[in-house]
C-alpha atoms as a PDB file:
ATOM      1  CA  MET A   1     142.259  55.097  77.123  1.00  0.00           C
ATOM      2  CA  PRO A   2     140.539  57.838  74.765  1.00  0.00           C
ATOM      3  CA  TYR A   3     142.769  60.330  73.435  1.00  0.00           C
ATOM      4  CA  PRO A   4     140.992  63.647  74.394  1.00  0.00           C
ATOM      5  CA  ASP A   5     143.373  65.644  72.401  1.00  0.00           C
ATOM      6  CA  ILE A   6     145.673  65.049  69.649  1.00  0.00           C
ATOM      7  CA  ALA A   7     148.672  65.929  71.623  1.00  0.00           C
ATOM      8  CA  ASP A   8     147.855  62.697  73.930  1.00  0.00           C
ATOM      9  CA  LEU A   9     148.719  60.377  70.640  1.00  0.00           C
ATOM     10  CA  PRO A  10     151.396  58.186  71.160  1.00  0.00           C
ATOM     11  CA  PRO A  11     154.426  59.835  70.176  1.00  0.00           C
ATOM     12  CA  SER A  12     154.927  57.686  66.916  1.00  0.00           C
ATOM     13  CA  VAL A  13     151.475  58.571  65.824  1.00  0.00           C
ATOM     14  CA  ARG A  14     152.311  62.581  65.802  1.00  0.00           C
ATOM     15  CA  HIS A  15     155.266  62.281  64.425  1.00  0.00           C
ATOM     16  CA  ALA A  16     154.623  59.931  61.722  1.00  0.00           C
ATOM     17  CA  LEU A  17     151.513  61.479  60.155  1.00  0.00           C
ATOM     18  CA  PRO A  18     150.384  64.842  59.158  1.00  0.00           C
ATOM     19  CA  LEU A  19     147.337  66.701  61.249  1.00  0.00           C
ATOM     20  CA  HIS A  20     144.798  65.305  59.339  1.00  0.00           C
ATOM     21  CA  ALA A  21     145.749  61.732  59.599  1.00  0.00           C
ATOM     22  CA  GLN A  22     146.380  62.450  63.248  1.00  0.00           C
ATOM     23  CA  GLU A  23     142.649  63.561  63.401  1.00  0.00           C
ATOM     24  CA  ILE A  24     141.349  60.217  61.586  1.00  0.00           C
ATOM     25  CA  TYR A  25     142.972  58.110  64.117  1.00  0.00           C
ATOM     26  CA  ARG A  26     142.091  59.908  67.011  1.00  0.00           C
ATOM     27  CA  ALA A  27     138.684  59.576  65.912  1.00  0.00           C
ATOM     28  CA  ALA A  28     138.466  56.666  65.161  1.00  0.00           C
ATOM     29  CA  PHE A  29     140.176  55.107  67.739  1.00  0.00           C
ATOM     30  CA  ASN A  30     138.105  56.625  70.378  1.00  0.00           C
ATOM     31  CA  HIS A  31     135.065  54.916  68.633  1.00  0.00           C
ATOM     32  CA  ALA A  32     136.483  52.028  69.091  1.00  0.00           C
ATOM     33  CA  TRP A  33     137.695  52.255  72.316  1.00  0.00           C
ATOM     34  CA  ALA A  34     134.601  53.004  73.760  1.00  0.00           C
ATOM     35  CA  ARG A  35     133.075  50.115  71.632  1.00  0.00           C
ATOM     36  CA  TYR A  36     135.323  47.192  73.060  1.00  0.00           C
ATOM     37  CA  ALA A  37     136.314  48.753  76.230  1.00  0.00           C
ATOM     38  CA  ALA A  38     134.596  46.545  78.062  1.00  0.00           C
ATOM     39  CA  SER A  39     136.935  43.855  76.973  1.00  0.00           C
ATOM     40  CA  GLY A  40     139.560  45.355  77.845  1.00  0.00           C
ATOM     41  CA  ASP A  41     141.131  45.583  73.607  1.00  0.00           C
ATOM     42  CA  GLU A  42     142.656  48.456  73.077  1.00  0.00           C
ATOM     43  CA  ALA A  43     144.891  46.435  70.281  1.00  0.00           C
ATOM     44  CA  THR A  44     141.940  46.203  68.465  1.00  0.00           C
ATOM     45  CA  ALA A  45     141.152  50.238  68.934  1.00  0.00           C
ATOM     46  CA  HIS A  46     144.726  50.247  67.298  1.00  0.00           C
ATOM     47  CA  ARG A  47     144.200  48.343  64.317  1.00  0.00           C
ATOM     48  CA  ILE A  48     140.341  49.993  63.075  1.00  0.00           C
ATOM     49  CA  ALA A  49     142.356  53.282  64.440  1.00  0.00           C
ATOM     50  CA  TRP A  50     145.277  52.492  61.491  1.00  0.00           C
ATOM     51  CA  ALA A  51     142.460  51.069  59.268  1.00  0.00           C
ATOM     52  CA  ALA A  52     140.859  54.609  59.307  1.00  0.00           C
ATOM     53  CA  VAL A  53     143.608  56.438  58.386  1.00  0.00           C
ATOM     54  CA  LYS A  54     145.428  53.588  55.422  1.00  0.00           C
ATOM     55  CA  ARG A  55     141.656  54.589  53.805  1.00  0.00           C
ATOM     56  CA  ALA A  56     142.146  57.829  53.202  1.00  0.00           C
ATOM     57  CA  TYR A  57     145.914  57.904  53.251  1.00  0.00           C
ATOM     58  CA  THR A  58     148.686  56.065  51.960  1.00  0.00           C
ATOM     59  CA  LYS A  59     152.514  55.692  52.454  1.00  0.00           C
ATOM     60  CA  ARG A  60     154.569  57.172  49.357  1.00  0.00           C
ATOM     61  CA  ASP A  61     158.293  57.097  50.070  1.00  0.00           C
ATOM     62  CA  GLY A  62     158.183  57.708  53.635  1.00  0.00           C
ATOM     63  CA  ALA A  63     155.241  60.101  53.985  1.00  0.00           C
ATOM     64  CA  TRP A  64     151.880  59.418  54.764  1.00  0.00           C
ATOM     65  CA  THR A  65     150.318  61.553  51.853  1.00  0.00           C
ATOM     66  CA  PRO A  66     145.977  61.635  51.133  1.00  0.00           C
ATOM     67  CA  ARG A  67     145.008  59.241  48.867  1.00  0.00           C
ATOM     68  CA  LEU A  68     143.683  61.100  45.552  1.00  0.00           C
ATOM     69  CA  LEU A  69     139.552  60.686  44.849  1.00  0.00           C
ATOM     70  CA  PRO A  70     138.401  58.763  42.014  1.00  0.00           C
ATOM     71  CA  ASP A  71     136.219  61.245  40.018  1.00  0.00           C
ATOM     72  CA  ALA A  72     132.769  60.766  39.777  1.00  0.00           C
END
């Protein structure tokens, strides 16, 4: 079941993540769901979405903060 809007995300995601991270989660989940929907593998879509968030954010002192990009 894809999430058409941020407000449709599970409460655990909405309450834990800042808005930009929620947008990343939603986009990654929807893309993964489109790929794995035929098998009904929603758990895989959630794992992929969390992995996408963790590439851009890190959890420090209980809060999700953007990762610092290395200087080029």
